[in-house]
Protein backbone atom coordinates (compact mmCIF):
# COMPACT_ATOMS: atom_id res chain seq x y z
CA UNK A 1 259.14 49.94 215.66
CA UNK A 2 255.83 51.67 216.88
CA UNK A 3 253.67 53.15 214.27
CA UNK A 4 254.86 56.58 215.89
CA UNK A 5 258.20 55.92 215.31
CA UNK A 6 257.76 55.19 211.91
CA UNK A 7 256.10 58.45 211.55
CA UNK A 8 258.96 60.34 213.42
CA UNK A 9 261.65 58.49 211.21
CA UNK A 10 259.57 59.59 207.59
CA UNK A 11 258.92 63.09 209.02
CA UNK A 12 262.90 63.48 209.36
CA UNK A 13 263.63 62.15 206.40
CA UNK A 14 261.10 64.07 204.34
CA UNK A 15 262.59 67.59 206.17
CA UNK A 16 266.24 66.13 205.00
CA UNK A 17 264.96 64.66 201.60
CA UNK A 18 262.24 66.60 200.49
CA UNK A 19 262.70 70.11 202.18
CA UNK A 20 259.25 69.46 204.17
CA UNK A 21 258.77 72.96 205.65
CA UNK A 22 259.65 73.15 209.30
CA UNK A 23 255.61 74.32 210.19
CA UNK A 24 254.14 71.28 208.99
CA UNK A 25 256.83 69.24 210.53
CA UNK A 26 256.31 70.92 213.92
CA UNK A 27 252.51 69.98 213.59
CA UNK A 28 253.30 66.13 213.06
CA UNK A 29 256.20 66.18 215.66
CA UNK A 30 253.38 67.50 218.41
CA UNK A 31 251.30 64.46 217.42
CA UNK A 32 254.18 62.27 218.14
CA UNK A 33 254.87 63.90 221.11
CA UNK A 34 251.30 63.85 222.42
CA UNK A 35 250.60 59.77 221.19
CA UNK A 36 247.90 59.31 224.02
CA UNK A 37 245.61 61.76 222.65
CA UNK A 38 246.23 60.05 218.81
CA UNK A 39 246.13 56.20 220.60
CA UNK A 40 243.03 55.58 219.04
CA UNK A 41 243.42 57.00 215.67
CA UNK A 42 245.58 54.01 214.37
CA UNK A 43 244.18 54.28 210.73
CA UNK A 44 244.38 57.67 210.57
CA UNK A 45 248.30 58.09 211.69
CA UNK A 46 249.19 54.97 209.16
CA UNK A 47 247.56 57.70 206.54
CA UNK A 48 249.74 60.24 207.40
CA UNK A 49 252.60 58.05 207.51
CA UNK A 50 252.15 57.39 204.45
CA UNK A 51 251.65 60.69 202.79
CA UNK A 52 254.69 61.95 204.66
CA UNK A 53 256.54 58.78 202.95
CA UNK A 54 255.35 59.93 199.50
CA UNK A 55 255.83 64.01 200.67
CA UNK A 56 257.04 65.76 197.66
CA UNK A 57 257.64 69.46 197.86
CA UNK A 58 256.51 69.79 194.11
CA UNK A 59 253.56 66.95 194.05
CA UNK A 60 250.83 67.32 191.73
CA UNK A 61 252.71 69.71 189.79
CA UNK A 62 253.52 67.29 186.96
CA UNK A 63 252.56 65.36 184.53
CA UNK A 64 251.23 62.91 186.23
CA UNK A 65 249.92 64.89 189.14
CA UNK A 66 251.80 62.20 191.42
CA UNK A 67 252.53 62.78 194.84
CA UNK A 68 251.69 64.73 198.46
CA UNK A 69 252.49 68.28 198.52
CA UNK A 70 252.01 70.69 201.59
CA UNK A 71 248.09 71.42 200.71
CA UNK A 72 247.30 67.66 201.20
CA UNK A 73 249.46 67.19 204.08
CA UNK A 74 248.16 70.00 205.88
CA UNK A 75 244.34 68.91 205.16
CA UNK A 76 245.44 65.23 206.31
CA UNK A 77 246.91 66.96 209.72
CA UNK A 78 243.85 69.08 210.25
CA UNK A 79 241.67 66.29 210.09
CA UNK A 80 243.67 64.42 212.28
CA UNK A 81 244.10 67.39 214.90
CA UNK A 82 240.32 68.34 215.40
CA UNK A 83 239.17 64.40 215.25
CA UNK A 84 237.11 64.06 212.01
CA UNK A 85 239.50 61.26 211.13
CA UNK A 86 239.95 58.00 213.27
């Protein structure tokens, strides 16, 4: 399974199990659909995969402040989309 296939599976799971918002899922799926533009950003894609896997709609709000919420995921996507992370 490729990195992009893992990202797609993680995104689908986060949508089904963690209420990942459609607007974030659409941004992730756009990256997957345009793999050729992101082929040289494996480290950034792995980081995104980790964040999607650990996504929690209410992340960063509990006692331990663990999880990845909308803001953290959106910031990661923005850095990947604008090319500031590799």
